Amino acid sequence: MESPSTPDGSGHKPVRYFLLRSMAVAGMACALGLSALAPARADTWPSKPVTIISPYAPGGTNDIVARLLADRFQKIFGQPFVVENRPGAAGILGASFVMRAAPDGYTLLSGNNAALVVQSVVKSPSPYDPASAFTPLVKIADAPNYIGVSADLPVKSVGELVALARREPGKLNYSSAGSGSFGNFLVEYFKLLTGTDIVHIPAKSSGPALTELMAGRIQLMMDPLVLSQRNGGRVKVLATTQSTRLDAYPDIPTIKESGGPEINIVGWFGWVGPANLPKEVVEKIDAATRTVMADPETRKILIAAGVVPSPLYSAQFGAMIREDVKRYQDIKVRAKMVVE
């Protein structure tokens, strides 16, 4: 059988032929290797473990919500959803970590309006614009905050608390999940409306702050977590920051009913991802969350943690974040609140 013709007419393939063929084979192998290393397509998400960043220390309300939803998602998708606590700067460190992550759906943030909105408003300079730095996924629950005071504080209502704070300016103190946290923001707004001087002693998260309240080392805290101690004898829950009483706790008055000013600011907990998450990932999280939030046991656990199941999905959630930014900017200016 004749050999294919070659440029030199000898029937023997020149060295250049073998070099070119080797380069082609190597190129194909390289392409295949790179393909194997490429990020998983959005339509296959999740094809590996997903990391959920909780930007606070373990034990707080945000951590409870993060772990509950992660557990439910793991069962739905058959992949690990691993909660990783990255506390610091009242939520900014964890939120910034997710903001810088690859937009592939494998690093998400379980956060709240404190980390995402309040921090962006009160910090100077602002660490991020929550409306553009993240992809809104789902708001899971509203977080009616409660005014809790230490058991040995001689007050039984918000009106009595205000009167005591006015008689003894600078003598009372309060704690929160950190400087610029939602609890910090709420009490500063409360001080603005009541003309009181109450000193802030920030903690690393709601859990440690509650421990200080229970021990009597601080006198005041505004946080969903104080509700968990209402029957323990070491914390008195005076009121809710909502404008109406909650159906689940009809015996807890509003701040106005308890003799204080009218305040209607409700926190929330939700999930976001880095900006520009693929539409397919957003839709899968949307569908899974609808399934989770329809589960009575999930709703029961959330209510026991002091929050109210109230899901909003991507477009509505994003609109709510933009509205919160405007509202909190106004409060921040009026309260003259700046956190360096």
Protein backbone atom coordinates (compact mmCIF):
# COMPACT_ATOMS: atom_id res chain seq x y z
CA MET A 1 0.00 0.00 0.00
CA GLU A 2 1.39 3.37 -0.98
CA SER A 3 2.19 5.95 1.62
CA PRO A 4 0.37 9.25 1.31
CA SER A 5 2.27 11.74 -0.76
CA THR A 6 4.48 14.17 1.07
CA PRO A 7 6.06 17.45 0.06
CA ASP A 8 9.40 15.76 -0.60
CA GLY A 9 7.77 12.97 -2.63
CA SER A 10 9.62 10.30 -0.66
CA GLY A 11 6.54 8.72 0.96
CA HIS A 12 8.05 9.34 4.42
CA LYS A 13 6.35 11.84 6.75
CA PRO A 14 8.72 14.67 7.69
CA VAL A 15 9.53 15.59 11.29
CA ARG A 16 7.33 18.70 11.00
CA TYR A 17 4.28 16.47 10.46
CA PHE A 18 4.81 14.65 13.74
CA LEU A 19 5.45 17.91 15.58
CA LEU A 20 2.22 19.42 14.28
CA ARG A 21 0.26 16.29 15.13
CA SER A 22 1.73 16.19 18.67
CA MET A 23 0.83 19.84 19.19
CA ALA A 24 -2.74 19.19 18.06
CA VAL A 25 -3.12 16.23 20.42
CA ALA A 26 -1.66 18.22 23.31
CA GLY A 27 -4.03 21.08 22.54
CA MET A 28 -7.03 18.77 22.64
CA ALA A 29 -5.89 17.27 25.95
CA CYS A 30 -5.39 20.72 27.43
CA ALA A 31 -8.85 21.79 26.31
CA LEU A 32 -10.38 18.71 27.88
CA GLY A 33 -8.49 19.36 31.11
CA LEU A 34 -9.62 22.96 31.27
CA SER A 35 -13.18 21.88 30.59
CA ALA A 36 -13.04 19.55 33.59
CA LEU A 37 -11.80 22.40 35.78
CA ALA A 38 -14.36 24.94 34.57
CA PRO A 39 -17.12 26.01 36.98
CA ALA A 40 -20.23 23.86 36.98
CA ARG A 41 -22.97 25.16 34.70
CA ALA A 42 -25.85 26.97 36.36
CA ASP A 43 -28.29 24.34 35.10
CA THR A 44 -26.45 21.68 37.11
CA TRP A 45 -26.36 23.72 40.34
CA PRO A 46 -25.68 22.53 42.96
CA SER A 47 -23.20 19.87 41.88
CA LYS A 48 -20.93 20.35 44.92
CA PRO A 49 -21.19 21.70 48.49
CA VAL A 50 -22.58 25.22 48.93
CA THR A 51 -21.13 27.53 51.58
CA ILE A 52 -23.55 29.74 53.49
CA ILE A 53 -21.84 32.62 55.23
CA SER A 54 -23.43 33.78 58.50
CA PRO A 55 -21.77 37.13 59.28
CA TYR A 56 -22.16 36.81 63.05
CA ALA A 57 -20.93 34.53 65.82
CA PRO A 58 -22.89 31.32 66.49
CA GLY A 59 -25.91 31.47 68.76
CA GLY A 60 -27.74 34.54 67.49
CA THR A 61 -31.01 34.72 65.60
CA ASN A 62 -29.28 35.08 62.24
CA ASP A 63 -27.34 31.88 62.87
CA ILE A 64 -30.52 29.99 63.80
CA VAL A 65 -32.21 31.06 60.56
CA ALA A 66 -29.12 30.27 58.47
CA ARG A 67 -28.75 26.75 59.83
CA LEU A 68 -32.43 25.95 59.57
CA LEU A 69 -32.66 26.85 55.89
CA ALA A 70 -29.30 25.22 55.10
CA ASP A 71 -30.53 21.97 56.63
CA ARG A 72 -33.73 22.08 54.57
CA PHE A 73 -31.87 22.90 51.34
CA GLN A 74 -29.43 20.05 51.91
CA LYS A 75 -32.35 17.62 52.03
CA ILE A 76 -33.92 19.07 48.89
CA PHE A 77 -30.80 19.25 46.72
CA GLY A 78 -28.82 16.29 48.07
CA GLN A 79 -25.66 18.42 48.45
CA PRO A 80 -24.14 19.79 51.66
CA PHE A 81 -25.11 23.37 52.53
CA VAL A 82 -22.43 24.27 55.05
CA VAL A 83 -22.90 27.28 57.33
CA GLU A 84 -19.66 29.11 58.01
CA ASN A 85 -19.59 31.85 60.65
CA ARG A 86 -17.50 34.88 59.67
CA PRO A 87 -18.24 37.44 62.39
CA GLY A 88 -16.76 40.89 62.53
CA ALA A 89 -17.61 44.56 62.03
CA ALA A 90 -21.28 43.91 62.80
CA GLY A 91 -21.72 41.76 59.71
CA ILE A 92 -19.58 43.67 57.22
CA LEU A 93 -16.75 41.11 57.07
CA GLY A 94 -19.02 38.22 56.15
CA ALA A 95 -21.10 40.27 53.72
CA SER A 96 -17.97 41.63 52.00
CA PHE A 97 -16.60 38.10 51.66
CA VAL A 98 -19.72 37.03 49.76
CA MET A 99 -19.73 40.23 47.70
CA ARG A 100 -16.25 39.32 46.39
CA ALA A 101 -17.05 35.63 45.79
CA ALA A 102 -17.50 34.11 42.34
CA PRO A 103 -21.10 34.55 41.12
CA ASP A 104 -21.66 30.82 40.67
CA GLY A 105 -24.08 30.09 43.53
CA TYR A 106 -21.60 28.23 45.72
CA THR A 107 -21.03 31.07 48.20
CA LEU A 108 -24.14 32.76 49.58
CA LEU A 109 -24.93 35.05 52.49
CA SER A 110 -27.57 34.42 55.13
CA GLY A 111 -27.84 37.92 56.49
CA ASN A 112 -30.21 40.58 57.70
CA ASN A 113 -31.05 44.22 57.21
CA ALA A 114 -28.42 45.13 59.80
CA ALA A 115 -25.47 43.71 57.86
CA LEU A 116 -26.79 44.59 54.42
CA VAL A 117 -28.62 47.88 54.84
CA VAL A 118 -27.88 49.54 58.19
CA GLN A 119 -24.13 49.06 57.80
CA SER A 120 -24.18 50.51 54.29
CA VAL A 121 -25.98 53.58 55.64
CA VAL A 122 -24.21 54.34 58.93
CA LYS A 123 -20.63 53.42 58.06
CA SER A 124 -18.38 56.12 56.68
CA PRO A 125 -17.25 55.31 54.07
CA SER A 126 -20.01 52.90 53.09
CA PRO A 127 -18.69 49.34 52.65
CA TYR A 128 -21.04 48.54 49.76
CA ASP A 129 -24.27 49.43 47.99
CA PRO A 130 -26.64 46.59 48.89
CA ALA A 131 -28.82 47.27 45.85
CA SER A 132 -26.00 46.61 43.37
CA ALA A 133 -23.34 44.58 45.22
CA PHE A 134 -25.59 41.54 45.78
CA THR A 135 -28.19 39.42 44.04
CA PRO A 136 -31.35 39.34 46.20
CA LEU A 137 -32.59 35.76 46.63
CA VAL A 138 -35.23 35.51 49.32
CA LYS A 139 -36.36 37.30 52.45
CA ILE A 140 -37.19 34.49 54.85
CA ALA A 141 -38.71 36.16 57.88
CA ASP A 142 -39.49 39.46 59.52
CA ALA A 143 -37.82 40.05 62.84
CA PRO A 144 -40.04 42.00 65.21
CA ASN A 145 -37.64 43.39 67.75
CA TYR A 146 -38.46 43.50 71.43
CA ILE A 147 -37.33 45.81 74.19
CA GLY A 148 -35.81 43.66 76.89
CA VAL A 149 -34.47 44.96 80.20
CA SER A 150 -32.58 43.22 82.97
CA ALA A 151 -34.78 41.70 85.67
CA ASP A 152 -33.39 43.95 88.41
CA LEU A 153 -34.11 47.20 86.55
CA PRO A 154 -36.99 48.86 88.47
CA VAL A 155 -39.28 49.43 85.47
CA LYS A 156 -42.37 47.61 84.18
CA SER A 157 -43.11 49.61 81.04
CA VAL A 158 -41.40 51.61 78.32
CA GLY A 159 -42.80 54.79 79.86
CA GLU A 160 -41.07 53.98 83.15
CA LEU A 161 -37.86 53.12 81.29
CA VAL A 162 -37.88 56.51 79.55
CA ALA A 163 -38.54 58.32 82.84
CA LEU A 164 -35.64 56.51 84.52
CA ALA A 165 -33.26 57.22 81.64
CA ARG A 166 -34.19 60.90 81.73
CA ARG A 167 -33.63 61.10 85.50
CA GLU A 168 -30.24 59.43 85.22
CA PRO A 169 -28.69 60.41 81.87
CA GLY A 170 -25.66 58.30 80.94
CA LYS A 171 -26.26 55.85 83.81
CA LEU A 172 -28.06 53.15 81.83
CA ASN A 173 -26.37 51.11 79.12
CA TYR A 174 -27.43 48.81 76.33
CA SER A 175 -25.81 46.19 74.13
CA SER A 176 -26.30 44.97 70.59
CA ALA A 177 -24.77 42.66 67.98
CA GLY A 178 -22.13 45.33 67.33
CA SER A 179 -21.58 48.94 66.34
CA GLY A 180 -23.85 49.65 63.39
CA SER A 181 -26.00 46.59 64.07
CA PHE A 182 -29.77 46.78 63.83
CA GLY A 183 -30.08 46.73 67.62
CA ASN A 184 -27.65 49.65 67.81
CA PHE A 185 -29.62 51.48 65.12
CA LEU A 186 -32.95 50.89 66.89
CA VAL A 187 -31.82 52.11 70.31
CA GLU A 188 -30.18 55.20 68.82
CA TYR A 189 -33.48 55.96 67.07
CA PHE A 190 -35.31 55.33 70.36
CA LYS A 191 -32.94 57.75 72.12
CA LEU A 192 -33.60 60.37 69.44
CA LEU A 193 -37.36 60.10 69.90
CA THR A 194 -37.25 60.06 73.71
CA GLY A 195 -34.45 62.55 74.37
CA THR A 196 -32.52 60.07 76.50
CA ASP A 197 -28.82 59.32 76.99
CA ILE A 198 -28.16 55.56 77.12
CA VAL A 199 -24.61 54.25 76.61
CA HIS A 200 -23.85 51.64 73.95
CA ILE A 201 -21.65 48.65 74.87
CA PRO A 202 -21.41 46.59 71.65
CA ALA A 203 -21.00 42.80 71.59
CA LYS A 204 -19.89 40.48 68.78
CA SER A 205 -23.40 39.15 68.16
CA SER A 206 -26.86 38.97 69.70
CA GLY A 207 -26.01 35.86 71.74
CA PRO A 208 -23.21 37.41 73.83
CA ALA A 209 -25.25 40.61 74.22
CA LEU A 210 -28.17 38.62 75.62
CA THR A 211 -25.82 36.88 78.06
CA GLU A 212 -24.75 40.29 79.37
CA LEU A 213 -28.40 41.35 79.74
CA MET A 214 -29.30 38.17 81.63
CA ALA A 215 -26.34 38.70 83.95
CA GLY A 216 -27.44 42.28 84.68
CA ARG A 217 -24.23 43.81 83.33
CA ILE A 218 -26.28 45.80 80.81
CA GLN A 219 -29.77 47.14 81.37
CA LEU A 220 -31.34 47.24 77.90
CA MET A 221 -31.39 45.40 74.58
CA MET A 222 -33.59 45.59 71.46
CA ASP A 223 -33.41 42.27 69.63
CA PRO A 224 -35.65 39.32 68.63
CA LEU A 225 -33.53 37.09 70.85
CA VAL A 226 -34.75 38.67 74.11
CA LEU A 227 -38.07 36.95 73.51
CA SER A 228 -36.45 33.57 74.21
CA GLN A 229 -35.88 34.63 77.83
CA ARG A 230 -39.27 36.19 78.58
CA ASN A 231 -40.22 33.33 80.93
CA GLY A 232 -36.77 32.73 82.39
CA GLY A 233 -36.92 35.31 85.17
CA ARG A 234 -33.78 37.21 84.19
CA VAL A 235 -35.15 39.39 81.39
CA LYS A 236 -38.31 41.50 81.27
CA VAL A 237 -39.79 41.98 77.79
CA LEU A 238 -41.49 45.37 77.82
CA ALA A 239 -42.74 45.81 74.24
CA THR A 240 -42.41 45.01 70.55
CA THR A 241 -41.08 47.51 68.02
CA GLN A 242 -43.90 46.65 65.62
CA SER A 243 -46.87 49.00 65.23
CA THR A 244 -49.29 46.22 66.23
CA ARG A 245 -49.17 43.32 68.66
CA LEU A 246 -48.16 39.96 67.24
CA ASP A 247 -50.78 37.25 67.03
CA ALA A 248 -48.33 34.79 68.59
CA TYR A 249 -47.67 37.08 71.60
CA PRO A 250 -50.81 39.16 72.18
CA ASP A 251 -49.75 39.96 75.75
CA ILE A 252 -46.70 41.95 74.60
CA PRO A 253 -47.71 45.58 73.94
CA THR A 254 -46.33 47.91 71.32
CA ILE A 255 -43.89 50.61 72.43
CA LYS A 256 -46.63 53.23 72.16
CA GLU A 257 -49.05 51.12 74.22
CA SER A 258 -46.32 50.75 76.83
CA GLY A 259 -45.92 54.50 77.26
CA GLY A 260 -43.19 55.19 74.71
CA PRO A 261 -43.03 56.84 71.27
CA GLU A 262 -44.51 55.25 68.15
CA ILE A 263 -41.84 53.14 66.44
CA ASN A 264 -42.50 50.79 63.56
CA ILE A 265 -39.23 49.32 62.33
CA VAL A 266 -39.08 45.62 61.67
CA GLY A 267 -35.89 43.73 60.92
CA TRP A 268 -35.64 40.88 58.46
CA PHE A 269 -33.52 37.87 57.64
CA GLY A 270 -32.79 36.72 54.11
CA TRP A 271 -30.35 35.24 51.63
CA VAL A 272 -28.38 37.04 48.95
CA GLY A 273 -25.53 36.09 46.65
CA PRO A 274 -22.81 37.99 44.83
CA ALA A 275 -23.99 40.31 42.08
CA ASN A 276 -24.88 38.72 38.73
CA LEU A 277 -25.86 35.25 39.94
CA PRO A 278 -27.19 33.15 37.03
CA LYS A 279 -30.95 33.27 36.59
CA GLU A 280 -31.14 29.47 36.86
CA VAL A 281 -29.59 29.51 40.34
CA VAL A 282 -31.96 32.24 41.52
CA GLU A 283 -34.95 30.28 40.22
CA LYS A 284 -33.85 27.05 41.91
CA ILE A 285 -33.40 28.79 45.26
CA ASP A 286 -36.79 30.46 44.79
CA ALA A 287 -38.53 27.13 44.18
CA ALA A 288 -36.75 25.38 47.06
CA THR A 289 -37.59 28.18 49.49
CA ARG A 290 -41.27 28.03 48.56
CA THR A 291 -41.21 24.33 49.45
CA VAL A 292 -39.39 24.96 52.74
CA MET A 293 -41.63 27.82 53.83
CA ALA A 294 -44.75 25.72 53.23
CA ASP A 295 -43.52 23.23 55.85
CA PRO A 296 -45.36 23.74 59.19
CA GLU A 297 -42.40 22.48 61.24
CA THR A 298 -40.06 25.02 59.64
CA ARG A 299 -42.50 27.83 60.39
CA LYS A 300 -42.84 26.60 63.97
CA ILE A 301 -39.08 26.71 64.52
CA LEU A 302 -38.84 30.23 63.08
CA ILE A 303 -41.65 31.50 65.30
CA ALA A 304 -39.99 29.93 68.36
CA ALA A 305 -36.83 31.87 67.46
CA GLY A 306 -38.80 35.10 67.66
CA VAL A 307 -39.22 35.79 63.95
CA VAL A 308 -42.27 35.76 61.68
CA PRO A 309 -42.15 33.68 58.47
CA SER A 310 -42.83 36.16 55.66
CA PRO A 311 -41.03 35.20 52.45
CA LEU A 312 -40.39 37.64 49.64
CA TYR A 313 -38.68 36.47 46.48
CA SER A 314 -35.97 38.01 44.33
CA ALA A 315 -37.64 40.98 42.58
CA GLN A 316 -39.81 42.00 45.55
CA PHE A 317 -36.93 41.48 47.96
CA GLY A 318 -34.66 43.70 45.87
CA ALA A 319 -37.30 46.46 45.81
CA MET A 320 -37.66 46.25 49.59
CA ILE A 321 -33.89 46.60 50.08
CA ARG A 322 -33.88 49.78 47.99
CA GLU A 323 -36.74 51.24 50.04
CA ASP A 324 -34.98 50.36 53.31
CA VAL A 325 -31.85 52.20 52.20
CA LYS A 326 -33.84 55.40 51.65
CA ARG A 327 -35.71 55.13 54.96
CA TYR A 328 -32.63 54.34 57.06
CA GLN A 329 -30.68 57.16 55.44
CA ASP A 330 -33.32 59.57 56.71
CA ILE A 331 -33.21 58.14 60.25
CA LYS A 332 -29.41 58.16 60.29
CA VAL A 333 -29.30 61.87 59.40
CA ARG A 334 -31.91 62.77 62.03
CA ALA A 335 -30.16 60.70 64.73
CA LYS A 336 -26.75 62.05 63.67
CA MET A 337 -25.49 58.49 63.78
CA VAL A 338 -22.05 57.78 62.31
CA VAL A 339 -20.06 54.60 62.88
CA GLU A 340 -16.42 54.74 61.83
